[in-house]
Amino acid sequence: MPELRQNYFTKEWVIIATERAKRPEDLVMHRPAKVVLPFVESCPFCAGNENKTPPEVMRVPTNGGGPWQVRVVANKFAALSPDVQPTRSIHRSRRSMGGFGVHDVIIDTPDHAQTIATMSDAHIANLLRVYKSRYDALSLDPRIAHVTIFKNHGGDAGASLEHPHSQLIATPVISHQVRERFQQALNHYDEYGECMFCQFLEEEIQEPERVVLLTEHFVALEQYASPSPFSTPIYPRRHMASFGDISATEIADLARVLRTVLAKLYQGLGNPDFNFTIRSAPAEYVGVKHFHWYISIIPRLTRVAGFELGSGMFINTVLPEAAAEFLRKVKVEMAVGAG
């Protein structure tokens, strides 16, 4: 029978459609083989084409010389501009603000053919350090209220360029969605005196049927009320409200966990398009006891249709428990990418 499950953090309801439930293997992407070259002359992100991008913000060089490993540039088609003043305007029901903000492109690797699923853990750790460096720097700007780091992989996920890259957008306001998540977390802490994320993780680890991967510092799992098939968040086991609080040891562990989870999706589901986002505390909430940062990974295996748009409720056709079991069984070999 179909079942409705409630998301513990947002209180939104999800329909687990068992009557039309699919086996996890039914969602494997069957795409024709495509040869991707490590260098594409027309690609602005490939090594050697640095003059085709806006000015460089920072880079991580390789050990012992040679080309860069990770490079950050301003987005050529930025959603917001650092040269605009964040001046607010209110006229009756209409509110607006100058489009101030920062929009970075983080070029994950000089190799056009790589993906995070095939990179080395060491290289991914360098990428995470760049994420943290930019997050820390922008969080110190009093004009910045929130920093969002995200990755779009594939056309269905919104990627406009094939070369592996991530993005960062720092905004002068906090979105309603983010504030609502914080409010739910604060309400729980006020009522029970504990972080709802920490409580949730303790329960899931004790009953691990939805756990995909567990390490000393992180846990990747399928949520009880997962809104879509194979949505796989990665949570730090230590309480941290802000991504900026991650330690060097935790970065190394997260690199392995992130690569392993994405490699399981890559190999098990045929390299699906996906988004991932680092959901972290806004600058003004750093250090709070009621929120817990995490990485949200969402494969683009289904499409949002009229019911979801009209009701705000998602329909998931794969049992989260079945998705977790499927991913646990996907064997991932040691990464061999650049590093």
Foldseek 3Di string as FASTA:
>chain_A
DKDWDADLQQRFIAIQCQVLFDFPLVLFDDDPDDDDFQDDPPDCLAPPNVVVAADWDDFACDPPDDGTFKTKHFDPPDPADQVWAQDWDDDPPDIDGHRHKGKMKMQLGNGQPDDLLQAALVSLLVVLVVVLVVVVVVLPPLQFFAKKKKFWADVVSPDPDSRGIIMMMTHSDDDPVLVSSVVSLVVCCVVPVAAPVLVVVVVCVVVVLFWQDDDPFKTWGQDQRHQEFPWIKIFTNDAFQFSNPDDSVRSSVVSVVVNLSQNLCCVSRVNATKMKMWSHHTSVCGPDRRHTIIIIIGGCSDDDDDVCVVPVYGYYSHRSSSSSVSSNPRDRDRRDHDD
